[in-house]
Amino acid sequence: MRKTFAPLDDMLIERLFQPASDLMSHRLGFGRAAAACFCIDVASLSWIVSRAWGLSDAVAAWDAATAFLDMATLLLGLIALISLRTLFRRASSKQANPLRQVMRPHRAIVLLMLAARLAQFRSPAPADLADLAMLVCAAFALYLGACAERPPLRRGWASLAPAT
């Protein structure tokens, strides 16, 4: 899997997400970690919306077992997304990004889940749309988290001299 997915993964990072990360950093002032954390926050909100439909149906039908499983799935997903957000905030930006190599299997799994979700996407229900939004935002967060920070702008000696 590494030999087949690595070129696609590198191409997505270098050609799509690194320029997008640089553009967000330059135009909006978002750093790599802030953009990835924002995507994780949107993914968390989408996850809550996608699971709320089934949970509310189970509670309305007084089905305690299904409600418990839906609540456990909701909490487990939120814990995973929050821990991923914490990881993005702790990743150092002073050297090469360690998340690029370490998170490659995670990016592969999320892309496979996204492709499988799109393949079975025939009649969209609101919960299905929220689940798809969660997968898209999680994929964006994983790829933005793997990008390198934009280097600081270098200034010449003329810009450091006081204006007269």
N, C-alpha and C. Protein backbone atom coordinates (compact mmCIF):
# COMPACT_ATOMS: atom_id res chain seq x y z
N MET A 1 0.81 -1.19 0.00
CA MET A 1 0.00 0.00 0.00
C MET A 1 0.86 1.26 0.00
N ARG A 2 1.99 1.18 0.69
CA ARG A 2 2.84 2.38 0.77
C ARG A 2 3.34 2.81 -0.59
N LYS A 3 3.73 1.83 -1.42
CA LYS A 3 4.29 2.19 -2.72
C LYS A 3 3.23 2.72 -3.67
N THR A 4 1.98 2.29 -3.50
CA THR A 4 0.95 2.77 -4.41
C THR A 4 0.29 4.05 -3.93
N PHE A 5 0.17 4.22 -2.61
CA PHE A 5 -0.52 5.40 -2.10
C PHE A 5 0.42 6.59 -1.90
N ALA A 6 1.68 6.34 -1.63
CA ALA A 6 2.62 7.43 -1.33
C ALA A 6 2.73 8.46 -2.46
N PRO A 7 2.83 8.06 -3.74
CA PRO A 7 2.90 9.09 -4.78
C PRO A 7 1.62 9.94 -4.88
N LEU A 8 0.46 9.30 -4.72
CA LEU A 8 -0.79 10.05 -4.74
C LEU A 8 -0.87 11.00 -3.55
N ASP A 9 -0.46 10.50 -2.39
CA ASP A 9 -0.48 11.31 -1.18
C ASP A 9 0.45 12.52 -1.31
N ASP A 10 1.66 12.28 -1.79
CA ASP A 10 2.62 13.38 -1.97
C ASP A 10 2.12 14.39 -3.00
N MET A 11 1.49 13.88 -4.07
CA MET A 11 0.98 14.78 -5.10
C MET A 11 -0.15 15.65 -4.54
N LEU A 12 -1.04 15.06 -3.74
CA LEU A 12 -2.12 15.85 -3.15
C LEU A 12 -1.58 16.92 -2.20
N ILE A 13 -0.55 16.57 -1.43
CA ILE A 13 0.02 17.55 -0.50
C ILE A 13 0.74 18.65 -1.26
N GLU A 14 1.62 18.28 -2.17
CA GLU A 14 2.47 19.27 -2.85
C GLU A 14 1.71 20.14 -3.85
N ARG A 15 0.77 19.56 -4.57
CA ARG A 15 0.10 20.30 -5.65
C ARG A 15 -1.20 20.97 -5.23
N LEU A 16 -1.85 20.46 -4.20
CA LEU A 16 -3.15 21.00 -3.84
C LEU A 16 -3.16 21.65 -2.45
N PHE A 17 -2.76 20.90 -1.44
CA PHE A 17 -2.93 21.39 -0.08
C PHE A 17 -1.82 22.32 0.39
N GLN A 18 -0.58 22.14 -0.05
CA GLN A 18 0.48 23.07 0.34
C GLN A 18 0.25 24.46 -0.25
N PRO A 19 -0.11 24.58 -1.55
CA PRO A 19 -0.44 25.93 -2.04
C PRO A 19 -1.67 26.53 -1.35
N ALA A 20 -2.66 25.70 -1.03
CA ALA A 20 -3.84 26.21 -0.32
C ALA A 20 -3.46 26.67 1.08
N SER A 21 -2.58 25.93 1.75
CA SER A 21 -2.12 26.32 3.08
C SER A 21 -1.32 27.62 3.02
N ASP A 22 -0.46 27.75 2.02
CA ASP A 22 0.31 28.99 1.86
C ASP A 22 -0.60 30.18 1.56
N LEU A 23 -1.62 29.96 0.74
CA LEU A 23 -2.56 31.03 0.41
C LEU A 23 -3.35 31.46 1.64
N MET A 24 -3.81 30.49 2.43
CA MET A 24 -4.54 30.84 3.66
C MET A 24 -3.64 31.57 4.64
N SER A 25 -2.39 31.16 4.70
CA SER A 25 -1.45 31.81 5.60
C SER A 25 -1.18 33.25 5.16
N HIS A 26 -1.04 33.45 3.86
CA HIS A 26 -0.72 34.78 3.34
C HIS A 26 -1.94 35.71 3.37
N ARG A 27 -3.07 35.23 2.88
CA ARG A 27 -4.24 36.08 2.72
C ARG A 27 -5.08 36.22 4.00
N LEU A 28 -5.25 35.12 4.73
CA LEU A 28 -6.15 35.14 5.88
C LEU A 28 -5.44 35.17 7.22
N GLY A 29 -4.14 34.91 7.21
CA GLY A 29 -3.39 34.88 8.45
C GLY A 29 -3.52 33.58 9.21
N PHE A 30 -4.12 32.56 8.60
CA PHE A 30 -4.24 31.24 9.23
C PHE A 30 -2.94 30.49 9.07
N GLY A 31 -2.44 29.92 10.14
CA GLY A 31 -1.31 29.02 10.05
C GLY A 31 -1.80 27.62 9.70
N ARG A 32 -0.87 26.72 9.51
CA ARG A 32 -1.20 25.33 9.18
C ARG A 32 -2.04 24.70 10.27
N ALA A 33 -1.63 24.87 11.51
CA ALA A 33 -2.35 24.25 12.63
C ALA A 33 -3.73 24.86 12.80
N ALA A 34 -3.86 26.16 12.63
CA ALA A 34 -5.17 26.81 12.79
C ALA A 34 -6.14 26.35 11.71
N ALA A 35 -5.66 26.22 10.47
CA ALA A 35 -6.53 25.76 9.39
C ALA A 35 -6.96 24.31 9.62
N ALA A 36 -6.03 23.46 10.06
CA ALA A 36 -6.38 22.06 10.33
C ALA A 36 -7.34 21.96 11.50
N CYS A 37 -7.14 22.76 12.53
CA CYS A 37 -8.05 22.74 13.69
C CYS A 37 -9.43 23.25 13.32
N PHE A 38 -9.50 24.24 12.44
CA PHE A 38 -10.80 24.73 11.97
C PHE A 38 -11.55 23.63 11.23
N CYS A 39 -10.83 22.89 10.37
CA CYS A 39 -11.46 21.79 9.64
C CYS A 39 -11.92 20.69 10.60
N ILE A 40 -11.14 20.43 11.64
CA ILE A 40 -11.54 19.43 12.64
C ILE A 40 -12.78 19.90 13.39
N ASP A 41 -12.86 21.19 13.70
CA ASP A 41 -14.05 21.71 14.38
C ASP A 41 -15.30 21.55 13.51
N VAL A 42 -15.18 21.83 12.22
CA VAL A 42 -16.32 21.65 11.31
C VAL A 42 -16.66 20.17 11.19
N ALA A 43 -15.64 19.31 11.15
CA ALA A 43 -15.88 17.86 11.10
C ALA A 43 -16.59 17.38 12.36
N SER A 44 -16.23 17.93 13.51
CA SER A 44 -16.89 17.56 14.77
C SER A 44 -18.35 17.97 14.76
N LEU A 45 -18.62 19.16 14.29
CA LEU A 45 -20.01 19.62 14.20
C LEU A 45 -20.80 18.75 13.23
N SER A 46 -20.20 18.40 12.10
CA SER A 46 -20.86 17.52 11.13
C SER A 46 -21.10 16.14 11.71
N TRP A 47 -20.15 15.64 12.50
CA TRP A 47 -20.31 14.33 13.13
C TRP A 47 -21.49 14.34 14.11
N ILE A 48 -21.61 15.41 14.88
CA ILE A 48 -22.74 15.52 15.82
C ILE A 48 -24.07 15.53 15.06
N VAL A 49 -24.13 16.30 13.98
CA VAL A 49 -25.37 16.37 13.19
C VAL A 49 -25.68 15.02 12.56
N SER A 50 -24.67 14.33 12.04
CA SER A 50 -24.92 13.05 11.38
C SER A 50 -25.39 11.98 12.36
N ARG A 51 -24.93 12.01 13.59
CA ARG A 51 -25.32 11.01 14.58
C ARG A 51 -26.60 11.40 15.31
N ALA A 52 -26.96 12.66 15.31
CA ALA A 52 -28.13 13.12 16.07
C ALA A 52 -29.44 12.57 15.52
N TRP A 53 -29.51 12.34 14.21
CA TRP A 53 -30.75 11.82 13.63
C TRP A 53 -31.08 10.44 14.20
N GLY A 54 -30.12 9.54 14.16
CA GLY A 54 -30.36 8.19 14.68
C GLY A 54 -30.58 8.18 16.17
N LEU A 55 -29.84 9.01 16.88
CA LEU A 55 -29.98 9.07 18.34
C LEU A 55 -31.36 9.60 18.73
N SER A 56 -31.84 10.62 18.06
CA SER A 56 -33.16 11.16 18.40
C SER A 56 -34.27 10.18 18.04
N ASP A 57 -34.12 9.43 16.94
CA ASP A 57 -35.11 8.42 16.60
C ASP A 57 -35.15 7.31 17.64
N ALA A 58 -33.98 6.90 18.13
CA ALA A 58 -33.93 5.84 19.13
C ALA A 58 -34.52 6.30 20.46
N VAL A 59 -34.27 7.54 20.83
CA VAL A 59 -34.84 8.07 22.08
C VAL A 59 -36.35 8.22 21.95
N ALA A 60 -36.83 8.68 20.79
CA ALA A 60 -38.28 8.85 20.60
C ALA A 60 -39.00 7.51 20.61
N ALA A 61 -38.33 6.44 20.15
CA ALA A 61 -38.93 5.10 20.13
C ALA A 61 -38.70 4.35 21.43
N TRP A 62 -38.08 4.96 22.41
CA TRP A 62 -37.76 4.34 23.70
C TRP A 62 -36.93 3.07 23.51
N ASP A 63 -35.99 3.10 22.56
CA ASP A 63 -35.10 1.97 22.31
C ASP A 63 -33.77 2.27 23.00
N ALA A 64 -33.62 1.77 24.21
CA ALA A 64 -32.46 2.12 25.04
C ALA A 64 -31.16 1.55 24.48
N ALA A 65 -31.20 0.34 23.93
CA ALA A 65 -29.98 -0.28 23.42
C ALA A 65 -29.43 0.49 22.22
N THR A 66 -30.30 0.83 21.29
CA THR A 66 -29.86 1.59 20.12
C THR A 66 -29.41 2.99 20.52
N ALA A 67 -30.13 3.61 21.44
CA ALA A 67 -29.74 4.95 21.91
C ALA A 67 -28.37 4.91 22.58
N PHE A 68 -28.11 3.87 23.37
CA PHE A 68 -26.81 3.75 24.03
C PHE A 68 -25.70 3.56 23.00
N LEU A 69 -25.93 2.70 22.00
CA LEU A 69 -24.90 2.48 20.96
C LEU A 69 -24.67 3.75 20.14
N ASP A 70 -25.74 4.46 19.81
CA ASP A 70 -25.58 5.71 19.06
C ASP A 70 -24.83 6.77 19.88
N MET A 71 -25.13 6.84 21.17
CA MET A 71 -24.44 7.80 22.05
C MET A 71 -22.97 7.42 22.20
N ALA A 72 -22.69 6.12 22.34
CA ALA A 72 -21.30 5.67 22.45
C ALA A 72 -20.53 5.96 21.17
N THR A 73 -21.16 5.73 20.02
CA THR A 73 -20.51 6.03 18.74
C THR A 73 -20.26 7.53 18.60
N LEU A 74 -21.22 8.34 19.00
CA LEU A 74 -21.06 9.79 18.95
C LEU A 74 -19.90 10.25 19.82
N LEU A 75 -19.84 9.76 21.04
CA LEU A 75 -18.77 10.16 21.95
C LEU A 75 -17.41 9.65 21.50
N LEU A 76 -17.35 8.43 20.99
CA LEU A 76 -16.09 7.88 20.50
C LEU A 76 -15.55 8.69 19.32
N GLY A 77 -16.43 9.06 18.40
CA GLY A 77 -16.02 9.88 17.27
C GLY A 77 -15.54 11.26 17.70
N LEU A 78 -16.24 11.86 18.66
CA LEU A 78 -15.82 13.18 19.15
C LEU A 78 -14.48 13.10 19.88
N ILE A 79 -14.26 12.04 20.64
CA ILE A 79 -12.97 11.88 21.32
C ILE A 79 -11.85 11.74 20.30
N ALA A 80 -12.09 10.97 19.23
CA ALA A 80 -11.07 10.81 18.19
C ALA A 80 -10.77 12.13 17.50
N LEU A 81 -11.80 12.90 17.18
CA LEU A 81 -11.58 14.18 16.51
C LEU A 81 -10.90 15.19 17.42
N ILE A 82 -11.25 15.21 18.70
CA ILE A 82 -10.62 16.14 19.63
C ILE A 82 -9.15 15.77 19.86
N SER A 83 -8.86 14.48 19.92
CA SER A 83 -7.45 14.09 20.09
C SER A 83 -6.64 14.42 18.84
N LEU A 84 -7.26 14.33 17.67
CA LEU A 84 -6.58 14.73 16.44
C LEU A 84 -6.32 16.23 16.43
N ARG A 85 -7.27 17.01 16.92
CA ARG A 85 -7.09 18.46 17.02
C ARG A 85 -5.94 18.80 17.97
N THR A 86 -5.86 18.09 19.09
CA THR A 86 -4.77 18.30 20.04
C THR A 86 -3.43 17.97 19.41
N LEU A 87 -3.39 16.90 18.63
CA LEU A 87 -2.15 16.52 17.95
C LEU A 87 -1.70 17.59 16.96
N PHE A 88 -2.63 18.17 16.22
CA PHE A 88 -2.27 19.23 15.28
C PHE A 88 -1.72 20.46 16.00
N ARG A 89 -2.26 20.78 17.14
CA ARG A 89 -1.78 21.95 17.88
C ARG A 89 -0.40 21.72 18.48
N ARG A 90 -0.09 20.47 18.82
CA ARG A 90 1.19 20.17 19.45
C ARG A 90 2.32 19.94 18.46
N ALA A 91 2.00 19.70 17.20
CA ALA A 91 3.04 19.43 16.20
C ALA A 91 3.92 20.67 16.04
N SER A 92 5.20 20.46 16.10
CA SER A 92 6.16 21.56 16.04
C SER A 92 6.24 22.12 14.63
N SER A 93 6.40 23.41 14.53
CA SER A 93 6.54 24.04 13.22
C SER A 93 7.95 24.55 12.97
N LYS A 94 8.87 24.24 13.87
CA LYS A 94 10.23 24.75 13.72
C LYS A 94 11.08 23.88 12.80
N GLN A 95 10.74 22.62 12.65
CA GLN A 95 11.48 21.75 11.74
C GLN A 95 10.49 21.10 10.78
N ALA A 96 10.93 20.09 10.08
CA ALA A 96 10.06 19.41 9.13
C ALA A 96 8.84 18.84 9.87
N ASN A 97 7.71 18.87 9.22
CA ASN A 97 6.47 18.43 9.86
C ASN A 97 6.49 16.92 10.06
N PRO A 98 6.44 16.43 11.31
CA PRO A 98 6.47 14.99 11.54
C PRO A 98 5.16 14.30 11.16
N LEU A 99 4.09 15.06 11.01
CA LEU A 99 2.79 14.46 10.71
C LEU A 99 2.67 14.02 9.26
N ARG A 100 3.57 14.47 8.40
CA ARG A 100 3.47 14.09 7.00
C ARG A 100 3.65 12.59 6.82
N GLN A 101 4.67 12.01 7.44
CA GLN A 101 4.89 10.57 7.31
C GLN A 101 4.03 9.76 8.27
N VAL A 102 3.88 10.26 9.48
CA VAL A 102 3.18 9.50 10.52
C VAL A 102 1.70 9.34 10.20
N MET A 103 1.08 10.35 9.64
CA MET A 103 -0.36 10.32 9.40
C MET A 103 -0.74 9.79 8.02
N ARG A 104 0.20 9.26 7.26
CA ARG A 104 -0.11 8.74 5.93
C ARG A 104 -1.15 7.61 5.97
N PRO A 105 -1.05 6.64 6.89
CA PRO A 105 -2.12 5.61 6.92
C PRO A 105 -3.49 6.19 7.26
N HIS A 106 -3.52 7.21 8.11
CA HIS A 106 -4.79 7.84 8.46
C HIS A 106 -5.41 8.53 7.23
N ARG A 107 -4.56 9.20 6.45
CA ARG A 107 -5.07 9.85 5.24
C ARG A 107 -5.58 8.82 4.24
N ALA A 108 -4.89 7.69 4.14
CA ALA A 108 -5.34 6.63 3.22
C ALA A 108 -6.70 6.08 3.64
N ILE A 109 -6.87 5.86 4.94
CA ILE A 109 -8.14 5.31 5.43
C ILE A 109 -9.28 6.30 5.22
N VAL A 110 -9.03 7.58 5.49
CA VAL A 110 -10.09 8.58 5.31
C VAL A 110 -10.44 8.72 3.83
N LEU A 111 -9.46 8.67 2.94
CA LEU A 111 -9.77 8.75 1.51
C LEU A 111 -10.55 7.53 1.04
N LEU A 112 -10.21 6.33 1.57
CA LEU A 112 -10.98 5.13 1.22
C LEU A 112 -12.41 5.23 1.76
N MET A 113 -12.56 5.72 2.97
CA MET A 113 -13.91 5.89 3.53
C MET A 113 -14.71 6.91 2.73
N LEU A 114 -14.04 7.96 2.28
CA LEU A 114 -14.71 8.98 1.48
C LEU A 114 -15.14 8.41 0.12
N ALA A 115 -14.27 7.63 -0.51
CA ALA A 115 -14.62 7.01 -1.79
C ALA A 115 -15.76 6.01 -1.62
N ALA A 116 -15.73 5.23 -0.54
CA ALA A 116 -16.82 4.27 -0.29
C ALA A 116 -18.13 5.00 -0.01
N ARG A 117 -18.06 6.10 0.70
CA ARG A 117 -19.27 6.87 1.01
C ARG A 117 -19.84 7.49 -0.25
N LEU A 118 -18.99 7.97 -1.14
CA LEU A 118 -19.47 8.54 -2.40
C LEU A 118 -20.05 7.47 -3.31
N ALA A 119 -19.50 6.24 -3.26
CA ALA A 119 -20.00 5.16 -4.10
C ALA A 119 -21.41 4.72 -3.68
N GLN A 120 -21.73 4.79 -2.41
CA GLN A 120 -23.05 4.38 -1.95
C GLN A 120 -24.00 5.56 -1.75
N PHE A 121 -23.65 6.69 -2.26
CA PHE A 121 -24.42 7.93 -2.08
C PHE A 121 -25.44 8.05 -3.20
N ARG A 122 -26.64 7.49 -3.01
CA ARG A 122 -27.66 7.53 -4.04
C ARG A 122 -28.80 8.48 -3.69
N SER A 123 -29.44 8.25 -2.58
CA SER A 123 -30.53 9.14 -2.15
C SER A 123 -30.09 9.84 -0.87
N PRO A 124 -29.63 11.08 -1.00
CA PRO A 124 -29.06 11.76 0.17
C PRO A 124 -30.10 12.14 1.21
N ALA A 125 -29.89 11.67 2.41
CA ALA A 125 -30.66 12.11 3.57
C ALA A 125 -29.80 13.15 4.30
N PRO A 126 -30.39 13.97 5.15
CA PRO A 126 -29.59 14.97 5.87
C PRO A 126 -28.45 14.35 6.69
N ALA A 127 -28.68 13.19 7.28
CA ALA A 127 -27.62 12.54 8.06
C ALA A 127 -26.49 12.08 7.15
N ASP A 128 -26.83 11.62 5.94
CA ASP A 128 -25.80 11.20 4.99
C ASP A 128 -24.97 12.38 4.50
N LEU A 129 -25.63 13.51 4.27
CA LEU A 129 -24.89 14.71 3.86
C LEU A 129 -23.96 15.19 4.97
N ALA A 130 -24.42 15.13 6.21
CA ALA A 130 -23.57 15.53 7.34
C ALA A 130 -22.40 14.57 7.50
N ASP A 131 -22.62 13.28 7.28
CA ASP A 131 -21.54 12.30 7.36
C ASP A 131 -20.51 12.54 6.26
N LEU A 132 -20.99 12.85 5.06
CA LEU A 132 -20.08 13.16 3.96
C LEU A 132 -19.29 14.43 4.25
N ALA A 133 -19.94 15.44 4.82
CA ALA A 133 -19.24 16.68 5.19
C ALA A 133 -18.19 16.40 6.25
N MET A 134 -18.48 15.51 7.18
CA MET A 134 -17.50 15.16 8.22
C MET A 134 -16.27 14.50 7.59
N LEU A 135 -16.48 13.58 6.65
CA LEU A 135 -15.34 12.92 6.01
C LEU A 135 -14.52 13.89 5.17
N VAL A 136 -15.18 14.79 4.46
CA VAL A 136 -14.45 15.77 3.64
C VAL A 136 -13.64 16.70 4.54
N CYS A 137 -14.23 17.18 5.61
CA CYS A 137 -13.51 18.08 6.52
C CYS A 137 -12.37 17.37 7.23
N ALA A 138 -12.57 16.10 7.58
CA ALA A 138 -11.49 15.34 8.22
C ALA A 138 -10.34 15.11 7.24
N ALA A 139 -10.66 14.83 5.97
CA ALA A 139 -9.60 14.66 4.97
C ALA A 139 -8.85 15.98 4.77
N PHE A 140 -9.57 17.09 4.67
CA PHE A 140 -8.91 18.39 4.55
C PHE A 140 -8.01 18.66 5.74
N ALA A 141 -8.49 18.36 6.94
CA ALA A 141 -7.69 18.60 8.14
C ALA A 141 -6.43 17.74 8.15
N LEU A 142 -6.55 16.49 7.75
CA LEU A 142 -5.37 15.62 7.74
C LEU A 142 -4.34 16.10 6.72
N TYR A 143 -4.80 16.58 5.58
CA TYR A 143 -3.86 17.06 4.57
C TYR A 143 -3.29 18.43 4.92
N LEU A 144 -4.11 19.33 5.46
CA LEU A 144 -3.57 20.62 5.88
C LEU A 144 -2.62 20.47 7.06
N GLY A 145 -2.88 19.51 7.93
CA GLY A 145 -1.98 19.24 9.05
C GLY A 145 -0.65 18.68 8.61
N ALA A 146 -0.60 18.07 7.43
CA ALA A 146 0.64 17.49 6.92
C ALA A 146 1.49 18.49 6.15
N CYS A 147 0.96 19.67 5.88
CA CYS A 147 1.71 20.67 5.13
C CYS A 147 2.78 21.32 6.00
N ALA A 148 3.74 21.93 5.33
CA ALA A 148 4.80 22.66 6.03
C ALA A 148 4.33 24.09 6.28
N GLU A 149 4.84 24.68 7.33
CA GLU A 149 4.51 26.08 7.61
C GLU A 149 5.14 26.96 6.54
N ARG A 150 4.50 28.06 6.27
CA ARG A 150 5.04 29.02 5.30
C ARG A 150 6.25 29.70 5.92
N PRO A 151 7.36 29.75 5.19
CA PRO A 151 8.54 30.40 5.77
C PRO A 151 8.31 31.90 5.94
N PRO A 152 8.97 32.49 6.93
CA PRO A 152 8.80 33.93 7.14
C PRO A 152 9.38 34.72 5.97
N LEU A 153 8.82 35.89 5.74
CA LEU A 153 9.32 36.75 4.67
C LEU A 153 10.67 37.32 5.06
N ARG A 154 11.59 37.31 4.12
CA ARG A 154 12.91 37.90 4.37
C ARG A 154 12.88 39.34 3.90
N ARG A 155 13.44 40.17 4.72
CA ARG A 155 13.48 41.59 4.39
C ARG A 155 14.92 42.01 4.18
N GLY A 156 15.11 42.90 3.24
CA GLY A 156 16.44 43.41 2.98
C GLY A 156 16.82 44.49 3.97
N TRP A 157 18.06 44.92 3.89
CA TRP A 157 18.54 45.96 4.79
C TRP A 157 17.80 47.27 4.59
N ALA A 158 17.35 47.53 3.39
CA ALA A 158 16.68 48.80 3.11
C ALA A 158 15.36 48.91 3.88
N SER A 159 14.68 47.80 4.07
CA SER A 159 13.40 47.86 4.79
C SER A 159 13.60 47.99 6.29
N LEU A 160 14.80 47.69 6.79
CA LEU A 160 15.07 47.81 8.22
C LEU A 160 15.53 49.21 8.62
N ALA A 161 15.99 49.99 7.64
CA ALA A 161 16.47 51.35 7.93
C ALA A 161 15.28 52.26 8.23
N PRO A 162 15.46 53.21 9.15
CA PRO A 162 14.35 54.13 9.46
C PRO A 162 14.04 55.02 8.26
N ALA A 163 12.76 55.31 8.12
CA ALA A 163 12.33 56.17 7.01
C ALA A 163 12.71 57.62 7.30
N THR A 164 13.15 58.33 6.26
CA THR A 164 13.53 59.74 6.44
C THR A 164 12.63 60.64 5.66
